[in-house]
Amino acid sequence: LSGCDSGFGQATARHLDIMGFRVFASVLDLQSPGAQELRQSCSPRLTLLQMDLTKTEDIQRVLQHIQAHTNSTGLWGLVNNAGFNDTIADAELSPLAKFRTCMEVNFFGSLELTKGLLPLLRSAGGRIVTVSSPAGDMPFPCLAAYGASKAALSLVMDTFRSELQPWGIKVSLILPGYYKTGTTCDPAFWNVQKQQLLASLPQDLLQAYGEDYVEEINQQFIQFMKVAVEDLSAVVNSITEGLLAANPAVRYYPGQGLGIMYFIHRYLPSFVRDLFLKGFFINPKLPRALRREHHNDVKKA
C-alpha cells in the first residue's frame, strides 16, 4: 500500500490492519506524524517501509523486503495510492518540470512498483487496486499536469486488467471525488506554490495572463477545497471491496457529484461539460491581454 503518510493510504492501512491483514505500508518519511500515528494505532502485523516513488533504489528496496516476506505465500493485493500534485494553473503557465514530476510519481513510480510485484501477485492470483482521478478522464481547468499523469495511470491499469485476466488477477480503479487529504486543503501550502509559480513565469507570459489571473485561480481553488469531504470511509470501503470482493468492479466512484459529472462527460456536447467543470471547480477570469480595459490602455499608448 503506497502513500500512507496521510489521507486515503493512512486510513486504508489502519482499516486493513483492523481487519486482520498483514499490511506493508509505504511512507515518504518514517518520522512523519502519519507514520507515527500508524505505529501507535496499528498492530505489530503492520510493516512501515520508507519509499519515494521517484527513486528506483527506494522501490527496489521495498520490493526486496516484500519478496523476502511473501515468497512462500505470494502477495494478495497491491494498492497504488501515492499521488502528487503541487500546481494549480493553466497548462501554458505550468512549468514542464511540474508535468514531469507528476508523471514520475503518479505514473512511472506506480508502474515500476506494480511491475516489480507482479510475480508475487501472479502466484497468489491477487488484486491490484489503483487510486486514479476523474481529472484523468476530463479536462479539469488548471489541473493539466496532474490530470495527464492520472490519465496515463488509468490507461496502463486498464491494460493490465485485460492482460492479467488469464492469470486470475483482478484490477480495479478508484476515482474519488473531492476529499480532504494531506496538503490539499492547506491554504498556506498553495500560497507558497502560487508565489513560486509567479516567480518562475517568463515576463511575456506574466504580461499576457496577469498576476491577478493566477491569484484568482488560487483563491477559487482554496475556496473549492473548503467543501472537500473529511470522511474518507467511502474511498477506504471502495479500496477494500476492490481487494476482497469476489467480483470487484472495474471502476469505483466514491464521492458526491461524480454521477452527474460522468453523465455530462459521456452524453452531452463537450462545451456543456467544459462549462460544468468551470462552474463546479475553477472558472478563471479572462487573461489580462484579452480584457477590454487592457485593449483600451494599449490604444491610448
Foldseek 3Di string as FASTA:
>chain_A
DEACQKDLQVVLLLVVQVVPDQEEYEHQDCPRPRNVVCVVRGDPSYHYAHADLLDPVSLVVVLVVVCVVCVVPFDAEDEAEDFDAQWQAAPVLDDPVRLVVRLSRLPVSVVVNCVSRVVSNLVNLHEYEYEAACLLVAVQHRCVSNNVNSVNRLVVQVVCQVVCVVSNYHYAYEHEDFADMDCQQPLVSNVVSLVVSVVPGDPVVCQFFPSVQSVQSSVQQNVLNVPHHHDNVQVSVLRVCRGDPPDRDNYHYHDPPVVVLVCCVPPPDVVVSRVVSCVNGNPTDGGPNPDPVSVVVVVVD
